[in-house]
C-alpha atoms as a PDB file:
ATOM      1  CA  GLN A   1       0.000   0.000   0.000  1.00  0.00           C
ATOM      2  CA  GLY A   2       3.016   2.271  -0.064  1.00  0.00           C
ATOM      3  CA  LEU A   3       3.376   2.924   3.665  1.00  0.00           C
ATOM      4  CA  THR A   4       6.490   0.777   4.067  1.00  0.00           C
ATOM      5  CA  GLU A   5       8.214   2.478   1.160  1.00  0.00           C
ATOM      6  CA  LEU A   6       7.359   5.901   2.595  1.00  0.00           C
ATOM      7  CA  ASN A   7       8.848   4.863   5.936  1.00  0.00           C
ATOM      8  CA  VAL A   8      12.078   3.812   4.227  1.00  0.00           C
ATOM      9  CA  LEU A   9      12.277   7.084   2.275  1.00  0.00           C
ATOM     10  CA  LEU A  10      11.604   9.072   5.437  1.00  0.00           C
ATOM     11  CA  ALA A  11      14.322   7.184   7.336  1.00  0.00           C
ATOM     12  CA  ILE A  12      16.812   7.838   4.526  1.00  0.00           C
ATOM     13  CA  ALA A  13      15.928  11.555   4.461  1.00  0.00           C
ATOM     14  CA  LEU A  14      16.374  11.791   8.241  1.00  0.00           C
ATOM     15  CA  LEU A  15      19.637   9.859   8.194  1.00  0.00           C
ATOM     16  CA  ILE A  16      21.056  12.271   5.629  1.00  0.00           C
ATOM     17  CA  GLY A  17      20.483  15.104   8.078  1.00  0.00           C
ATOM     18  CA  GLY A  18      21.797  13.139  11.030  1.00  0.00           C
ATOM     19  CA  LEU A  19      24.958  12.019   9.309  1.00  0.00           C
ATOM     20  CA  PHE A  20      25.978  15.185   7.515  1.00  0.00           C
ATOM     21  CA  CYS A  21      24.630  18.148   9.518  1.00  0.00           C
ATOM     22  CA  ASN A  22      28.016  18.822  11.127  1.00  0.00           C
ATOM     23  CA  VAL A  23      30.026  18.873   7.871  1.00  0.00           C
ATOM     24  CA  PRO A  24      31.117  22.478   7.154  1.00  0.00           C
ATOM     25  CA  ASN A  25      30.633  22.379   3.392  1.00  0.00           C
ATOM     26  CA  TRP A  26      28.004  24.273   1.400  1.00  0.00           C
ATOM     27  CA  SER A  27      27.379  21.376  -0.980  1.00  0.00           C
ATOM     28  CA  VAL A  28      26.863  18.951   1.877  1.00  0.00           C
ATOM     29  CA  GLN A  29      24.615  21.424   3.708  1.00  0.00           C
ATOM     30  CA  THR A  30      22.531  21.761   0.542  1.00  0.00           C
ATOM     31  CA  LEU A  31      22.109  17.974   0.594  1.00  0.00           C
ATOM     32  CA  VAL A  32      21.075  18.147   4.268  1.00  0.00           C
ATOM     33  CA  ILE A  33      18.456  20.819   3.532  1.00  0.00           C
ATOM     34  CA  MET A  34      17.135  18.780   0.615  1.00  0.00           C
ATOM     35  CA  GLY A  35      16.887  15.746   2.903  1.00  0.00           C
ATOM     36  CA  SER A  36      15.040  17.778   5.521  1.00  0.00           C
ATOM     37  CA  ALA A  37      12.592  19.173   2.978  1.00  0.00           C
ATOM     38  CA  ALA A  38      12.003  15.701   1.563  1.00  0.00           C
ATOM     39  CA  GLY A  39      11.497  14.377   5.098  1.00  0.00           C
ATOM     40  CA  GLN A  40       8.784  16.940   5.798  1.00  0.00           C
ATOM     41  CA  ALA A  41       7.058  16.100   2.535  1.00  0.00           C
ATOM     42  CA  PHE A  42       7.279  12.369   3.296  1.00  0.00           C
ATOM     43  CA  VAL A  43       5.710  12.862   6.745  1.00  0.00           C
ATOM     44  CA  LEU A  44       2.700  14.685   5.304  1.00  0.00           C
ATOM     45  CA  LEU A  45       2.443  12.179   2.466  1.00  0.00           C
ATOM     46  CA  PHE A  46       2.576   9.312   4.972  1.00  0.00           C
ATOM     47  CA  LEU A  47      -0.196  10.833   7.094  1.00  0.00           C
ATOM     48  CA  THR A  48      -2.390  11.398   4.054  1.00  0.00           C
ATOM     49  CA  ARG A  49      -1.715   7.905   2.693  1.00  0.00           C
ATOM     50  CA  TYR A  50      -2.446   6.389   6.109  1.00  0.00           C
ATOM     51  CA  ALA A  51      -5.756   8.246   6.259  1.00  0.00           C
ATOM     52  CA  LEU A  52      -6.649   7.132   2.734  1.00  0.00           C
ATOM     53  CA  CYS A  53      -5.897   3.506   3.588  1.00  0.00           C
ATOM     54  CA  PHE A  54      -7.751   3.266   6.891  1.00  0.00           C
ATOM     55  CA  ALA A  55     -10.371   6.038   7.146  1.00  0.00           C
ATOM     56  CA  TYR A  56     -13.919   5.993   5.890  1.00  0.00           C
ATOM     57  CA  PRO A  57     -14.112   7.875   2.565  1.00  0.00           C
ATOM     58  CA  GLN A  58     -16.165  10.720   4.039  1.00  0.00           C
ATOM     59  CA  ARG A  59     -13.708  11.137   6.952  1.00  0.00           C
ATOM     60  CA  VAL A  60     -10.345  11.326   5.146  1.00  0.00           C
ATOM     61  CA  GLY A  61      -9.957  15.081   5.716  1.00  0.00           C
ATOM     62  CA  THR A  62     -10.954  14.813   9.363  1.00  0.00           C
ATOM     63  CA  ILE A  63      -8.568  11.952  10.046  1.00  0.00           C
ATOM     64  CA  THR A  64      -5.700  13.661   8.196  1.00  0.00           C
ATOM     65  CA  GLY A  65      -6.301  16.899  10.120  1.00  0.00           C
ATOM     66  CA  GLY A  66      -6.455  15.007  13.402  1.00  0.00           C
ATOM     67  CA  LEU A  67      -3.205  13.194  12.674  1.00  0.00           C
ATOM     68  CA  VAL A  68      -1.436  16.428  11.707  1.00  0.00           C
ATOM     69  CA  ALA A  69      -2.745  18.138  14.863  1.00  0.00           C
ATOM     70  CA  PHE A  70      -1.645  15.201  17.029  1.00  0.00           C
ATOM     71  CA  MET A  71       1.818  15.224  15.480  1.00  0.00           C
ATOM     72  CA  GLY A  72       2.073  18.975  16.073  1.00  0.00           C
ATOM     73  CA  VAL A  73       1.176  18.620  19.752  1.00  0.00           C
ATOM     74  CA  PHE A  74       3.484  15.604  20.120  1.00  0.00           C
ATOM     75  CA  VAL A  75       6.497  17.308  18.570  1.00  0.00           C
ATOM     76  CA  LEU A  76       6.100  20.674  20.356  1.00  0.00           C
ATOM     77  CA  PRO A  77       7.970  19.666  23.573  1.00  0.00           C
ATOM     78  CA  LEU A  78      10.771  18.187  21.451  1.00  0.00           C
ATOM     79  CA  LEU A  79      11.035  21.405  19.441  1.00  0.00           C
ATOM     80  CA  LEU A  80      11.151  23.511  22.600  1.00  0.00           C
ATOM     81  CA  LEU A  81      13.878  21.266  24.012  1.00  0.00           C
ATOM     82  CA  SER A  82      15.815  21.613  20.751  1.00  0.00           C
ATOM     83  CA  PHE A  83      15.473  25.417  20.830  1.00  0.00           C
ATOM     84  CA  TYR A  84      16.681  25.492  24.436  1.00  0.00           C
ATOM     85  CA  THR A  85      19.660  23.266  23.626  1.00  0.00           C
ATOM     86  CA  ILE A  86      20.615  25.473  20.682  1.00  0.00           C
ATOM     87  CA  ALA A  87      20.352  28.602  22.861  1.00  0.00           C
ATOM     88  CA  VAL A  88      22.518  27.117  25.624  1.00  0.00           C
ATOM     89  CA  THR A  89      25.181  25.388  23.518  1.00  0.00           C
ATOM     90  CA  HIS A  90      25.149  27.856  20.575  1.00  0.00           C
ATOM     91  CA  SER A  91      25.187  24.889  18.212  1.00  0.00           C
ATOM     92  CA  TYR A  92      22.449  23.248  16.194  1.00  0.00           C
ATOM     93  CA  VAL A  93      24.417  20.049  15.523  1.00  0.00           C
ATOM     94  CA  PHE A  94      23.427  17.940  18.541  1.00  0.00           C
ATOM     95  CA  PRO A  95      19.657  18.651  18.395  1.00  0.00           C
ATOM     96  CA  THR A  96      19.630  18.017  14.651  1.00  0.00           C
ATOM     97  CA  MET A  97      21.532  14.752  14.971  1.00  0.00           C
ATOM     98  CA  ALA A  98      19.433  13.585  17.935  1.00  0.00           C
ATOM     99  CA  SER A  99      16.100  14.328  16.272  1.00  0.00           C
ATOM    100  CA  SER A 100      17.252  12.748  12.994  1.00  0.00           C
ATOM    101  CA  TRP A 101      18.388   9.558  14.695  1.00  0.00           C
ATOM    102  CA  LEU A 102      15.245   9.452  16.828  1.00  0.00           C
ATOM    103  CA  GLY A 103      13.022   9.850  13.793  1.00  0.00           C
ATOM    104  CA  ALA A 104      14.929   7.377  11.655  1.00  0.00           C
ATOM    105  CA  THR A 105      14.754   4.551  14.195  1.00  0.00           C
END
């Protein structure tokens, strides 16, 4: 149904960010940004595909909206922790690597 393939693509996109975010090279950073953008697209595509596979036809929009809202509430504490870590350490590398590895596993 495509969900497994989307999970693999999402894991690859997240691993790109986790592996290469600390490399000080513009070309590599461009690859990291492309991986991050692809990861965001894959998450929304996964949620929509999941809703299409398992929701009643008249409830696809409601289920997709609910899943997106749940993910937003779930990720908010992690984002705040990442922002705090960046403010304290003055480096984005550890939060980026940690969230990439967490998401990819």
